[in-house]
Amino acid sequence: MKITIIIFSSLLVVILGSVYFFYGYQSAFEADQQCHYDMRLEYIELDGLGCDHDMETKQWLLFQRGVNDQPSKVLKRYRY
């Protein structure tokens, strides 16, 4: 029983790790380009949009600036 749980847990970790590794962008440049593309075409109706690079988490963030001292809202993340 314990061996089955260990095998199942190991397979789950390998599968989730593979999904995380293979479904990101290949470079910061690609993530940046996609962020600006989405900002111009998909979120055109929103005001105060921007793209910013978060070096700690290795991703670009598409965000909407907050108004009246409210925090900005992250709309989409582009992990590379």
Protein backbone atom coordinates (compact mmCIF):
# COMPACT_ATOMS: atom_id res chain seq x y z
CA MET A 1 0.00 0.00 0.00
CA LYS A 2 2.77 2.46 0.93
CA ILE A 3 4.70 1.63 -2.24
CA THR A 4 1.62 2.37 -4.36
CA ILE A 5 1.23 5.77 -2.70
CA ILE A 6 4.92 6.56 -3.22
CA ILE A 7 4.79 5.55 -6.89
CA PHE A 8 1.59 7.53 -7.48
CA SER A 9 3.02 10.61 -5.72
CA SER A 10 6.25 10.38 -7.73
CA LEU A 11 4.37 10.14 -11.02
CA LEU A 12 2.19 13.09 -10.07
CA VAL A 13 5.26 15.22 -9.27
CA VAL A 14 6.90 14.28 -12.59
CA ILE A 15 3.73 15.06 -14.57
CA LEU A 16 3.10 18.41 -12.88
CA GLY A 17 6.78 19.36 -13.19
CA SER A 18 6.71 18.56 -16.90
CA VAL A 19 3.60 20.65 -17.46
CA TYR A 20 5.14 23.59 -15.61
CA PHE A 21 8.44 23.30 -17.50
CA PHE A 22 7.14 22.78 -21.05
CA TYR A 23 4.21 25.21 -21.15
CA GLY A 24 6.03 28.48 -20.51
CA TYR A 25 7.62 30.84 -23.01
CA GLN A 26 11.17 30.05 -24.11
CA SER A 27 12.56 33.52 -23.31
CA ALA A 28 11.78 36.82 -21.65
CA PHE A 29 11.59 38.38 -25.12
CA GLU A 30 8.78 36.04 -26.20
CA ALA A 31 6.87 36.66 -22.97
CA ASP A 32 7.30 40.43 -23.39
CA GLN A 33 6.08 40.34 -26.98
CA GLN A 34 2.99 38.32 -26.04
CA CYS A 35 2.20 40.67 -23.15
CA HIS A 36 2.29 43.75 -25.38
CA TYR A 37 0.34 41.95 -28.12
CA ASP A 38 -2.44 41.00 -25.70
CA MET A 39 -2.44 44.52 -24.26
CA ARG A 40 -3.04 46.04 -27.70
CA LEU A 41 -5.56 43.53 -29.05
CA GLU A 42 -7.34 41.57 -26.30
CA TYR A 43 -7.68 44.20 -23.57
CA ILE A 44 -8.21 47.25 -25.77
CA GLU A 45 -11.35 48.32 -23.90
CA LEU A 46 -9.50 48.75 -20.59
CA ASP A 47 -7.62 51.91 -19.59
CA GLY A 48 -4.32 52.17 -17.74
CA LEU A 49 -2.73 48.94 -18.91
CA GLY A 50 0.93 48.09 -18.72
CA CYS A 51 3.43 45.25 -18.97
CA ASP A 52 6.13 44.79 -16.37
CA HIS A 53 8.95 42.31 -15.92
CA ASP A 54 9.18 40.52 -12.57
CA MET A 55 12.73 39.19 -12.37
CA GLU A 56 12.22 37.26 -9.13
CA THR A 57 9.50 35.02 -10.56
CA LYS A 58 10.76 35.11 -14.18
CA GLN A 59 7.53 36.34 -15.70
CA TRP A 60 5.97 39.31 -17.42
CA LEU A 61 2.80 40.73 -15.93
CA LEU A 62 -0.04 42.40 -17.80
CA PHE A 63 -1.66 44.73 -15.29
CA GLN A 64 -4.21 47.49 -14.96
CA ARG A 65 -3.07 50.46 -12.91
CA GLY A 66 -5.04 51.14 -9.78
CA VAL A 67 -6.97 54.38 -9.35
CA ASN A 68 -7.39 56.45 -6.18
CA ASP A 69 -4.43 54.78 -4.43
CA GLN A 70 -5.82 51.29 -5.09
CA PRO A 71 -3.31 48.55 -5.94
CA SER A 72 -2.82 47.50 -9.54
CA LYS A 73 -4.66 44.40 -10.75
CA VAL A 74 -2.71 41.65 -12.54
CA LEU A 75 -4.73 40.51 -15.55
CA LYS A 76 -2.39 37.89 -17.00
CA ARG A 77 1.00 36.30 -16.30
CA TYR A 78 3.53 35.22 -18.93
CA ARG A 79 6.01 32.79 -17.40
CA TYR A 80 9.25 31.99 -19.18
